[in-house]
Amino acid sequence: MAKIPEAQNRMFKNVFVCKKCQSKIRAEPQKILKGKVKCRKCGRATFRPLKKK
């Protein structure tokens, strides 16, 4: 199956997952690294990148 670059960007670009509650959030990587983004669900600031399938 061919991978479409536009679809890959839409699904995985700037998407991070909360390490505690596994909710997804879209934010800029620099803000994630600085800790300026908090989870909407649990309030933590620890995120990991979304794993590609």
C-alpha atoms as a PDB file:
ATOM      1  CA  MET A   1       0.000   0.000   0.000  1.00  0.00           C
ATOM      2  CA  ALA A   2       1.363   3.375  -1.029  1.00  0.00           C
ATOM      3  CA  LYS A   3       1.833   6.009   1.644  1.00  0.00           C
ATOM      4  CA  ILE A   4       0.397   9.395   0.774  1.00  0.00           C
ATOM      5  CA  PRO A   5       2.554  12.205   2.206  1.00  0.00           C
ATOM      6  CA  GLU A   6      -0.399  14.537   2.778  1.00  0.00           C
ATOM      7  CA  ALA A   7      -2.199  11.892   4.818  1.00  0.00           C
ATOM      8  CA  GLN A   8       0.946  11.065   6.817  1.00  0.00           C
ATOM      9  CA  ASN A   9       1.390  14.741   7.724  1.00  0.00           C
ATOM     10  CA  ARG A  10      -2.249  15.105   8.709  1.00  0.00           C
ATOM     11  CA  MET A  11      -2.199  12.045  10.963  1.00  0.00           C
ATOM     12  CA  PHE A  12       1.261  12.251  12.573  1.00  0.00           C
ATOM     13  CA  LYS A  13       2.722  15.775  12.259  1.00  0.00           C
ATOM     14  CA  ASN A  14       2.847  17.629  15.607  1.00  0.00           C
ATOM     15  CA  VAL A  15       0.743  14.968  17.375  1.00  0.00           C
ATOM     16  CA  PHE A  16       1.769  13.929  20.871  1.00  0.00           C
ATOM     17  CA  VAL A  17       0.322  11.507  23.441  1.00  0.00           C
ATOM     18  CA  CYS A  18       0.071  12.118  27.176  1.00  0.00           C
ATOM     19  CA  LYS A  19       2.201   9.641  29.114  1.00  0.00           C
ATOM     20  CA  LYS A  20      -0.382   9.285  31.888  1.00  0.00           C
ATOM     21  CA  CYS A  21      -3.820   9.174  30.236  1.00  0.00           C
ATOM     22  CA  GLN A  22      -2.859   8.469  26.572  1.00  0.00           C
ATOM     23  CA  SER A  23      -4.944  11.331  25.173  1.00  0.00           C
ATOM     24  CA  LYS A  24      -3.735  12.892  21.926  1.00  0.00           C
ATOM     25  CA  ILE A  25      -2.929  16.569  21.495  1.00  0.00           C
ATOM     26  CA  ARG A  26      -1.618  18.531  18.525  1.00  0.00           C
ATOM     27  CA  ALA A  27       1.052  21.108  19.399  1.00  0.00           C
ATOM     28  CA  GLU A  28       4.383  22.438  18.226  1.00  0.00           C
ATOM     29  CA  PRO A  29       7.367  20.308  19.319  1.00  0.00           C
ATOM     30  CA  GLN A  30       9.208  23.310  20.799  1.00  0.00           C
ATOM     31  CA  LYS A  31       6.297  24.055  23.147  1.00  0.00           C
ATOM     32  CA  ILE A  32       6.179  20.401  24.199  1.00  0.00           C
ATOM     33  CA  LEU A  33       9.904  20.404  25.002  1.00  0.00           C
ATOM     34  CA  LYS A  34       9.637  23.614  27.024  1.00  0.00           C
ATOM     35  CA  GLY A  35       6.687  22.217  28.992  1.00  0.00           C
ATOM     36  CA  LYS A  36       4.262  24.978  28.001  1.00  0.00           C
ATOM     37  CA  VAL A  37       1.556  22.552  26.861  1.00  0.00           C
ATOM     38  CA  LYS A  38      -0.596  20.710  29.391  1.00  0.00           C
ATOM     39  CA  CYS A  39      -2.933  17.782  28.879  1.00  0.00           C
ATOM     40  CA  ARG A  40      -6.611  18.721  28.611  1.00  0.00           C
ATOM     41  CA  LYS A  41      -7.681  15.604  30.469  1.00  0.00           C
ATOM     42  CA  CYS A  42      -5.260  15.161  33.382  1.00  0.00           C
ATOM     43  CA  GLY A  43      -3.243  18.408  33.469  1.00  0.00           C
ATOM     44  CA  ARG A  44       0.219  16.889  33.142  1.00  0.00           C
ATOM     45  CA  ALA A  45       2.935  18.232  30.845  1.00  0.00           C
ATOM     46  CA  THR A  46       4.633  14.934  29.938  1.00  0.00           C
ATOM     47  CA  PHE A  47       4.153  13.861  26.334  1.00  0.00           C
ATOM     48  CA  ARG A  48       5.641  11.427  23.828  1.00  0.00           C
ATOM     49  CA  PRO A  49       5.406  11.426  20.018  1.00  0.00           C
ATOM     50  CA  LEU A  50       2.621   9.387  18.412  1.00  0.00           C
ATOM     51  CA  LYS A  51       3.825   5.969  17.197  1.00  0.00           C
ATOM     52  CA  LYS A  52       3.373   5.357  13.484  1.00  0.00           C
ATOM     53  CA  LYS A  53       1.517   2.202  12.608  1.00  0.00           C
END
